[in-house]
Amino acid sequence: MMPERSRSPARPLWMRAVAGLSGLCGALSASMILAAVLLTCQMIWVRKINNASTVWQTESVIYLMIGATLIGLPYVQLLRGHVNVDLLPRLLPAFMRKALACLTLMVAMGVIGVMLFYSAELWHVAWVRGWTSDTVWGPPLWIPYLTMPLGFGIFLLQLGADLVATITDVDDPFPEAGH
């Protein structure tokens, strides 16, 4: 369910595109969690019922859950589901709430920008050097590492869209605080 976020008549196309991309990330993240749950069930069946060993399932589940967390970041931002303490904004006048929201979004964008840079670098090194996991299965690490720059990159886009929406009054960052 998408929240009603708009205060003005229409969101620009690029903001709707970023929101759509964030929604797609949410669906992909949910699919990855479902796959991890099904793999866990299969792993339990293989171990307990068939009395066989599992080689790749545990590692796959770990990569899927971490990847789902990272890919799900933009969707959670779209829904405003991240931890938020709104006591101070509720006490501030509207113009100061807006300034606080802009400052918070810019700081978050800076932190996520750094995370994006280093995760893209890590992914690239894993790709170029052909890194694989040090397990029996040994999958190439660029595949799970790719979820880091993708998740952080789309999260950064969503934060940017939220910042522009706040600055241009397309969106109210604290609608429950009143105007």
C-alpha atoms as a PDB file:
ATOM      1  CA  MET A   1       0.000   0.000   0.000  1.00  0.00           C
ATOM      2  CA  MET A   2       1.442   3.351  -1.047  1.00  0.00           C
ATOM      3  CA  PRO A   3       0.998   6.275   1.323  1.00  0.00           C
ATOM      4  CA  GLU A   4      -0.635   9.485   0.213  1.00  0.00           C
ATOM      5  CA  ARG A   5       2.335  11.835   0.189  1.00  0.00           C
ATOM      6  CA  SER A   6       1.461  14.613  -2.199  1.00  0.00           C
ATOM      7  CA  ARG A   7       0.267  18.070  -1.129  1.00  0.00           C
ATOM      8  CA  SER A   8       0.291  19.628  -4.582  1.00  0.00           C
ATOM      9  CA  PRO A   9      -1.749  18.672  -7.645  1.00  0.00           C
ATOM     10  CA  ALA A  10       0.779  16.454  -9.413  1.00  0.00           C
ATOM     11  CA  ARG A  11       4.179  14.954  -8.826  1.00  0.00           C
ATOM     12  CA  PRO A  12       6.689  15.411 -11.640  1.00  0.00           C
ATOM     13  CA  LEU A  13       7.217  12.393 -13.858  1.00  0.00           C
ATOM     14  CA  TRP A  14      10.744  11.773 -12.571  1.00  0.00           C
ATOM     15  CA  MET A  15       9.482  11.626  -8.966  1.00  0.00           C
ATOM     16  CA  ARG A  16       6.816   9.123  -9.976  1.00  0.00           C
ATOM     17  CA  ALA A  17       9.494   7.102 -11.811  1.00  0.00           C
ATOM     18  CA  VAL A  18      11.721   7.037  -8.715  1.00  0.00           C
ATOM     19  CA  ALA A  19       8.706   6.020  -6.603  1.00  0.00           C
ATOM     20  CA  GLY A  20       7.937   3.259  -9.115  1.00  0.00           C
ATOM     21  CA  LEU A  21      11.535   2.055  -8.988  1.00  0.00           C
ATOM     22  CA  SER A  22      11.390   2.070  -5.181  1.00  0.00           C
ATOM     23  CA  GLY A  23       8.147   0.079  -5.340  1.00  0.00           C
ATOM     24  CA  LEU A  24       9.816  -2.421  -7.664  1.00  0.00           C
ATOM     25  CA  CYS A  25      12.627  -2.738  -5.119  1.00  0.00           C
ATOM     26  CA  GLY A  26      10.017  -3.523  -2.465  1.00  0.00           C
ATOM     27  CA  ALA A  27       8.560  -6.317  -4.595  1.00  0.00           C
ATOM     28  CA  LEU A  28      12.024  -7.701  -5.355  1.00  0.00           C
ATOM     29  CA  SER A  29      12.960  -7.553  -1.676  1.00  0.00           C
ATOM     30  CA  ALA A  30       9.794  -9.408  -0.679  1.00  0.00           C
ATOM     31  CA  SER A  31      10.507 -12.038  -3.352  1.00  0.00           C
ATOM     32  CA  MET A  32      14.022 -12.503  -2.012  1.00  0.00           C
ATOM     33  CA  ILE A  33      12.673 -12.995   1.521  1.00  0.00           C
ATOM     34  CA  LEU A  34      10.147 -15.539   0.233  1.00  0.00           C
ATOM     35  CA  ALA A  35      12.913 -17.389  -1.625  1.00  0.00           C
ATOM     36  CA  ALA A  36      15.024 -17.423   1.558  1.00  0.00           C
ATOM     37  CA  VAL A  37      12.116 -18.872   3.557  1.00  0.00           C
ATOM     38  CA  LEU A  38      11.471 -21.564   0.935  1.00  0.00           C
ATOM     39  CA  LEU A  39      15.177 -22.423   0.798  1.00  0.00           C
ATOM     40  CA  THR A  40      15.250 -22.704   4.578  1.00  0.00           C
ATOM     41  CA  CYS A  41      12.316 -25.134   4.451  1.00  0.00           C
ATOM     42  CA  GLN A  42      14.053 -27.139   1.724  1.00  0.00           C
ATOM     43  CA  MET A  43      17.261 -27.165   3.772  1.00  0.00           C
ATOM     44  CA  ILE A  44      15.411 -28.476   6.842  1.00  0.00           C
ATOM     45  CA  TRP A  45      13.767 -31.174   4.725  1.00  0.00           C
ATOM     46  CA  VAL A  46      17.076 -32.270   3.200  1.00  0.00           C
ATOM     47  CA  ARG A  47      18.844 -32.367   6.568  1.00  0.00           C
ATOM     48  CA  LYS A  48      16.160 -33.892   8.802  1.00  0.00           C
ATOM     49  CA  ILE A  49      14.068 -36.051   6.482  1.00  0.00           C
ATOM     50  CA  ASN A  50      16.631 -37.120   3.887  1.00  0.00           C
ATOM     51  CA  ASN A  51      19.510 -37.081   6.397  1.00  0.00           C
ATOM     52  CA  ALA A  52      21.713 -35.444   3.763  1.00  0.00           C
ATOM     53  CA  SER A  53      24.086 -32.537   3.921  1.00  0.00           C
ATOM     54  CA  THR A  54      23.412 -29.126   2.484  1.00  0.00           C
ATOM     55  CA  VAL A  55      26.124 -27.334   0.581  1.00  0.00           C
ATOM     56  CA  TRP A  56      24.741 -24.099  -0.794  1.00  0.00           C
ATOM     57  CA  GLN A  57      21.460 -23.418   1.018  1.00  0.00           C
ATOM     58  CA  THR A  58      22.724 -21.669   4.162  1.00  0.00           C
ATOM     59  CA  GLU A  59      24.969 -19.324   2.216  1.00  0.00           C
ATOM     60  CA  SER A  60      22.184 -18.601  -0.279  1.00  0.00           C
ATOM     61  CA  VAL A  61      19.751 -17.737   2.506  1.00  0.00           C
ATOM     62  CA  ILE A  62      22.279 -15.375   4.083  1.00  0.00           C
ATOM     63  CA  TYR A  63      22.956 -13.607   0.777  1.00  0.00           C
ATOM     64  CA  LEU A  64      19.236 -13.382   0.013  1.00  0.00           C
ATOM     65  CA  MET A  65      18.354 -11.878   3.398  1.00  0.00           C
ATOM     66  CA  ILE A  66      21.170  -9.333   3.318  1.00  0.00           C
ATOM     67  CA  GLY A  67      20.346  -8.491  -0.285  1.00  0.00           C
ATOM     68  CA  ALA A  68      16.650  -8.136   0.531  1.00  0.00           C
ATOM     69  CA  THR A  69      17.515  -5.710   3.312  1.00  0.00           C
ATOM     70  CA  LEU A  70      19.640  -3.557   1.009  1.00  0.00           C
ATOM     71  CA  ILE A  71      17.300  -3.716  -1.994  1.00  0.00           C
ATOM     72  CA  GLY A  72      14.360  -2.930   0.305  1.00  0.00           C
ATOM     73  CA  LEU A  73      15.855   0.358   1.577  1.00  0.00           C
ATOM     74  CA  PRO A  74      14.297   2.585  -1.121  1.00  0.00           C
ATOM     75  CA  TYR A  75      10.863   1.045  -0.609  1.00  0.00           C
ATOM     76  CA  VAL A  76      10.990   1.587   3.134  1.00  0.00           C
ATOM     77  CA  GLN A  77      11.980   5.219   2.492  1.00  0.00           C
ATOM     78  CA  LEU A  78       9.084   5.566   0.048  1.00  0.00           C
ATOM     79  CA  LEU A  79       6.705   4.372   2.765  1.00  0.00           C
ATOM     80  CA  ARG A  80       8.512   6.419   5.420  1.00  0.00           C
ATOM     81  CA  GLY A  81       9.053   3.246   7.369  1.00  0.00           C
ATOM     82  CA  HIS A  82      12.494   4.048   8.773  1.00  0.00           C
ATOM     83  CA  VAL A  83      12.775   4.853  12.457  1.00  0.00           C
ATOM     84  CA  ASN A  84      11.568   8.389  13.023  1.00  0.00           C
ATOM     85  CA  VAL A  85      11.364  10.376  16.231  1.00  0.00           C
ATOM     86  CA  ASP A  86       8.958  13.217  15.581  1.00  0.00           C
ATOM     87  CA  LEU A  87       8.674  14.858  18.994  1.00  0.00           C
ATOM     88  CA  LEU A  88      10.848  17.833  18.022  1.00  0.00           C
ATOM     89  CA  PRO A  89       9.208  18.401  14.610  1.00  0.00           C
ATOM     90  CA  ARG A  90       5.772  18.422  16.242  1.00  0.00           C
ATOM     91  CA  LEU A  91       6.878  21.294  18.483  1.00  0.00           C
ATOM     92  CA  LEU A  92       8.429  23.374  15.693  1.00  0.00           C
ATOM     93  CA  PRO A  93       6.672  25.841  13.400  1.00  0.00           C
ATOM     94  CA  ALA A  94       6.125  24.673   9.805  1.00  0.00           C
ATOM     95  CA  PHE A  95       9.115  26.494   8.255  1.00  0.00           C
ATOM     96  CA  MET A  96      11.487  25.002  10.840  1.00  0.00           C
ATOM     97  CA  ARG A  97      10.025  21.503  10.335  1.00  0.00           C
ATOM     98  CA  LYS A  98      10.721  21.886   6.629  1.00  0.00           C
ATOM     99  CA  ALA A  99      14.301  23.076   7.299  1.00  0.00           C
ATOM    100  CA  LEU A 100      14.879  20.176   9.702  1.00  0.00           C
ATOM    101  CA  ALA A 101      13.544  17.689   7.148  1.00  0.00           C
ATOM    102  CA  CYS A 102      15.795  19.124   4.427  1.00  0.00           C
ATOM    103  CA  LEU A 103      18.838  19.016   6.700  1.00  0.00           C
ATOM    104  CA  THR A 104      18.082  15.441   7.729  1.00  0.00           C
ATOM    105  CA  LEU A 105      17.614  14.336   4.119  1.00  0.00           C
ATOM    106  CA  MET A 106      20.865  16.014   3.049  1.00  0.00           C
ATOM    107  CA  VAL A 107      22.844  14.376   5.867  1.00  0.00           C
ATOM    108  CA  ALA A 108      21.284  11.009   5.005  1.00  0.00           C
ATOM    109  CA  MET A 109      22.169  11.551   1.336  1.00  0.00           C
ATOM    110  CA  GLY A 110      25.778  12.273   2.314  1.00  0.00           C
ATOM    111  CA  VAL A 111      26.053   9.103   4.390  1.00  0.00           C
ATOM    112  CA  ILE A 112      24.349   6.963   1.746  1.00  0.00           C
ATOM    113  CA  GLY A 113      26.524   8.553  -0.952  1.00  0.00           C
ATOM    114  CA  VAL A 114      29.638   7.394   0.915  1.00  0.00           C
ATOM    115  CA  MET A 115      28.122   3.921   1.341  1.00  0.00           C
ATOM    116  CA  LEU A 116      27.297   3.847  -2.379  1.00  0.00           C
ATOM    117  CA  PHE A 117      30.843   4.817  -3.340  1.00  0.00           C
ATOM    118  CA  TYR A 118      32.552   2.185  -1.207  1.00  0.00           C
ATOM    119  CA  SER A 119      30.050  -0.561  -1.989  1.00  0.00           C
ATOM    120  CA  ALA A 120      30.414   0.104  -5.734  1.00  0.00           C
ATOM    121  CA  GLU A 121      34.173  -0.073  -5.328  1.00  0.00           C
ATOM    122  CA  LEU A 122      33.897  -3.376  -3.417  1.00  0.00           C
ATOM    123  CA  TRP A 123      31.568  -4.814  -6.050  1.00  0.00           C
ATOM    124  CA  HIS A 124      33.921  -3.726  -8.847  1.00  0.00           C
ATOM    125  CA  VAL A 125      36.967  -5.278  -7.179  1.00  0.00           C
ATOM    126  CA  ALA A 126      35.069  -8.542  -6.630  1.00  0.00           C
ATOM    127  CA  TRP A 127      34.029  -8.509 -10.301  1.00  0.00           C
ATOM    128  CA  VAL A 128      37.471  -7.691 -11.740  1.00  0.00           C
ATOM    129  CA  ARG A 129      39.407 -10.071  -9.506  1.00  0.00           C
ATOM    130  CA  GLY A 130      36.886 -12.896  -9.782  1.00  0.00           C
ATOM    131  CA  TRP A 131      36.413 -13.258  -6.048  1.00  0.00           C
ATOM    132  CA  THR A 132      34.486 -16.295  -4.897  1.00  0.00           C
ATOM    133  CA  SER A 133      33.221 -17.380  -1.513  1.00  0.00           C
ATOM    134  CA  ASP A 134      35.610 -19.496   0.556  1.00  0.00           C
ATOM    135  CA  THR A 135      33.050 -22.272   0.914  1.00  0.00           C
ATOM    136  CA  VAL A 136      32.468 -25.613  -0.774  1.00  0.00           C
ATOM    137  CA  TRP A 137      29.861 -24.007  -3.014  1.00  0.00           C
ATOM    138  CA  GLY A 138      32.091 -21.008  -3.844  1.00  0.00           C
ATOM    139  CA  PRO A 139      29.718 -18.652  -5.678  1.00  0.00           C
ATOM    140  CA  PRO A 140      31.159 -15.524  -7.308  1.00  0.00           C
ATOM    141  CA  LEU A 141      30.914 -12.713  -4.758  1.00  0.00           C
ATOM    142  CA  TRP A 142      30.098  -9.975  -7.266  1.00  0.00           C
ATOM    143  CA  ILE A 143      26.521 -11.298  -7.395  1.00  0.00           C
ATOM    144  CA  PRO A 144      25.607 -10.746  -3.725  1.00  0.00           C
ATOM    145  CA  TYR A 145      27.852  -7.665  -3.563  1.00  0.00           C
ATOM    146  CA  LEU A 146      25.829  -6.084  -6.385  1.00  0.00           C
ATOM    147  CA  THR A 147      22.896  -5.644  -4.009  1.00  0.00           C
ATOM    148  CA  MET A 148      24.896  -3.052  -2.057  1.00  0.00           C
ATOM    149  CA  PRO A 149      25.429  -0.414  -4.774  1.00  0.00           C
ATOM    150  CA  LEU A 150      21.991  -1.119  -6.258  1.00  0.00           C
ATOM    151  CA  GLY A 151      20.199  -0.740  -2.945  1.00  0.00           C
ATOM    152  CA  PHE A 152      22.190   2.301  -1.838  1.00  0.00           C
ATOM    153  CA  GLY A 153      21.953   3.902  -5.293  1.00  0.00           C
ATOM    154  CA  ILE A 154      18.176   3.641  -5.537  1.00  0.00           C
ATOM    155  CA  PHE A 155      17.861   4.650  -1.879  1.00  0.00           C
ATOM    156  CA  LEU A 156      19.894   7.767  -2.711  1.00  0.00           C
ATOM    157  CA  LEU A 157      17.539   8.503  -5.627  1.00  0.00           C
ATOM    158  CA  GLN A 158      14.527   8.165  -3.320  1.00  0.00           C
ATOM    159  CA  LEU A 159      16.130  10.453  -0.732  1.00  0.00           C
ATOM    160  CA  GLY A 160      16.845  12.989  -3.485  1.00  0.00           C
ATOM    161  CA  ALA A 161      13.258  12.837  -4.708  1.00  0.00           C
ATOM    162  CA  ASP A 162      12.042  13.313  -1.136  1.00  0.00           C
ATOM    163  CA  LEU A 163      14.349  16.306  -0.694  1.00  0.00           C
ATOM    164  CA  VAL A 164      13.153  18.006  -3.882  1.00  0.00           C
ATOM    165  CA  ALA A 165       9.534  17.203  -2.987  1.00  0.00           C
ATOM    166  CA  THR A 166      10.038  18.810   0.425  1.00  0.00           C
ATOM    167  CA  ILE A 167      11.786  21.911  -0.941  1.00  0.00           C
ATOM    168  CA  THR A 168       9.147  22.454  -3.654  1.00  0.00           C
ATOM    169  CA  ASP A 169       6.221  21.758  -1.293  1.00  0.00           C
ATOM    170  CA  VAL A 170       5.116  18.749  -3.306  1.00  0.00           C
ATOM    171  CA  ASP A 171       5.362  16.793  -0.085  1.00  0.00           C
ATOM    172  CA  ASP A 172       4.960  17.504   3.617  1.00  0.00           C
ATOM    173  CA  PRO A 173       7.682  15.642   5.544  1.00  0.00           C
ATOM    174  CA  PHE A 174       5.613  15.685   8.757  1.00  0.00           C
ATOM    175  CA  PRO A 175       1.935  15.645   7.715  1.00  0.00           C
ATOM    176  CA  GLU A 176       0.779  14.464  11.139  1.00  0.00           C
ATOM    177  CA  ALA A 177       2.348  17.533  12.790  1.00  0.00           C
ATOM    178  CA  GLY A 178      -0.143  19.887  11.154  1.00  0.00           C
ATOM    179  CA  HIS A 179       0.506  23.030   9.144  1.00  0.00           C
END
